[in-house]
Amino acid sequence: MSDPIERLRRKITKEVLWLYILRLLRERPMYAYELKQKIKETFGFEPATVSSYVVLYKLEKDGYVTAEWQEQEMGKPSRKYYKLTGDGERLLEEGIKFMEDILEKLKE
């Protein structure tokens, strides 16, 4: 049996990666690798690269983020920047509210 704290950590990080991504995109548009690095820096865990791309693809498909290719300096490849939509902002607020409600109930 795995450690309960490790399971909890995994559940509230990797399994709700969309929440962390939306939170960071609230600050400014970012490309996928940049988001992965900012998650590590801001939230203290490093999601798998494939997971980040899968979550971003689904968020884009569902209309929570938009994506736009931007040219880089000469000789560097273009990057796909993701930006939060109004629906994404509402989803983020709902997710935060849900987490806050759960934490309040746990503290009672």
Protein backbone atom coordinates (compact mmCIF):
# COMPACT_ATOMS: atom_id res chain seq x y z
CA MET A 1 0.00 0.00 0.00
CA SER A 2 1.37 3.43 -0.91
CA ASP A 3 1.75 6.26 1.55
CA PRO A 4 -1.55 8.20 2.01
CA ILE A 5 0.18 11.59 1.84
CA GLU A 6 1.91 10.66 -1.43
CA ARG A 7 -1.42 9.54 -2.89
CA LEU A 8 -3.03 12.80 -1.76
CA ARG A 9 -0.18 14.83 -3.27
CA ARG A 10 -0.55 12.96 -6.58
CA LYS A 11 -4.31 13.44 -6.62
CA ILE A 12 -4.24 17.20 -5.99
CA THR A 13 -1.38 17.91 -8.34
CA LYS A 14 -1.20 15.70 -11.41
CA GLU A 15 -4.85 14.74 -11.54
CA VAL A 16 -6.08 18.35 -11.47
CA LEU A 17 -3.27 19.78 -13.58
CA TRP A 18 -5.83 21.88 -15.47
CA LEU A 19 -6.39 23.99 -12.35
CA TYR A 20 -2.71 24.93 -12.08
CA ILE A 21 -2.47 25.64 -15.81
CA LEU A 22 -5.50 27.93 -15.78
CA ARG A 23 -4.18 29.73 -12.70
CA LEU A 24 -0.87 30.49 -14.43
CA LEU A 25 -2.56 31.54 -17.67
CA ARG A 26 -4.56 34.07 -15.66
CA GLU A 27 -1.26 35.99 -15.30
CA ARG A 28 -0.34 36.00 -19.00
CA PRO A 29 -0.22 33.81 -22.12
CA MET A 30 2.46 31.10 -22.02
CA TYR A 31 3.73 28.24 -24.16
CA ALA A 32 3.57 24.63 -22.95
CA TYR A 33 7.16 24.16 -21.80
CA GLU A 34 7.08 27.52 -20.03
CA LEU A 35 3.92 26.43 -18.19
CA LYS A 36 5.60 23.20 -17.12
CA GLN A 37 8.53 25.16 -15.68
CA LYS A 38 6.26 27.71 -13.96
CA ILE A 39 4.26 24.90 -12.34
CA LYS A 40 7.46 23.51 -10.87
CA GLU A 41 8.61 26.95 -9.73
CA THR A 42 5.25 28.14 -8.36
CA PHE A 43 3.58 24.99 -7.05
CA GLY A 44 6.54 22.73 -6.31
CA PHE A 45 5.87 19.75 -8.56
CA GLU A 46 6.84 18.87 -12.10
CA PRO A 47 4.16 17.44 -14.35
CA ALA A 48 5.10 15.03 -17.11
CA THR A 49 5.60 16.80 -20.42
CA VAL A 50 3.05 14.63 -22.20
CA SER A 51 0.48 15.29 -19.47
CA SER A 52 0.88 19.04 -19.88
CA TYR A 53 0.30 18.84 -23.62
CA VAL A 54 -2.70 16.52 -23.23
CA VAL A 55 -4.32 18.83 -20.67
CA LEU A 56 -3.64 21.93 -22.80
CA TYR A 57 -5.12 20.22 -25.86
CA LYS A 58 -8.27 19.31 -23.94
CA LEU A 59 -8.58 22.81 -22.44
CA GLU A 60 -8.27 24.28 -25.93
CA LYS A 61 -10.74 21.81 -27.42
CA ASP A 62 -13.27 22.61 -24.67
CA GLY A 63 -12.88 26.39 -25.13
CA TYR A 64 -11.17 27.20 -21.82
CA VAL A 65 -8.00 28.41 -23.53
CA THR A 66 -7.14 29.63 -27.00
CA ALA A 67 -3.83 29.08 -28.75
CA GLU A 68 -1.85 31.20 -31.15
CA TRP A 69 1.44 30.50 -32.90
CA GLN A 70 4.03 33.26 -32.48
CA GLU A 71 7.19 33.69 -34.49
CA GLN A 72 10.43 33.79 -32.49
CA GLU A 73 13.82 35.33 -33.18
CA MET A 74 15.54 34.37 -36.40
CA GLY A 75 16.53 30.71 -36.35
CA LYS A 76 14.25 29.69 -33.46
CA PRO A 77 11.06 27.69 -33.97
CA SER A 78 7.64 29.26 -33.55
CA ARG A 79 5.88 28.72 -30.22
CA LYS A 80 2.25 28.03 -29.50
CA TYR A 81 1.07 30.40 -26.78
CA TYR A 82 -2.01 29.58 -24.73
CA LYS A 83 -4.35 32.23 -23.36
CA LEU A 84 -7.19 31.98 -20.84
CA THR A 85 -10.72 32.57 -22.19
CA GLY A 86 -13.73 33.89 -20.29
CA ASP A 87 -14.98 30.32 -19.88
CA GLY A 88 -11.53 29.33 -18.60
CA GLU A 89 -11.63 32.15 -16.04
CA ARG A 90 -15.05 30.95 -14.82
CA LEU A 91 -13.83 27.33 -14.64
CA LEU A 92 -10.79 28.43 -12.64
CA GLU A 93 -12.99 30.35 -10.20
CA GLU A 94 -15.29 27.33 -9.81
CA GLY A 95 -12.30 25.05 -9.20
CA ILE A 96 -10.82 27.39 -6.59
CA LYS A 97 -14.20 27.75 -4.87
CA PHE A 98 -14.61 23.97 -4.78
CA MET A 99 -11.15 23.53 -3.24
CA GLU A 100 -11.83 26.27 -0.67
CA ASP A 101 -15.16 24.69 0.29
CA ILE A 102 -13.55 21.28 0.76
CA LEU A 103 -10.74 22.76 2.89
CA GLU A 104 -13.25 24.62 5.08
CA LYS A 105 -15.21 21.41 5.64
CA LEU A 106 -12.03 19.53 6.53
CA LYS A 107 -11.11 22.20 9.09
CA GLU A 108 -14.49 22.07 10.88
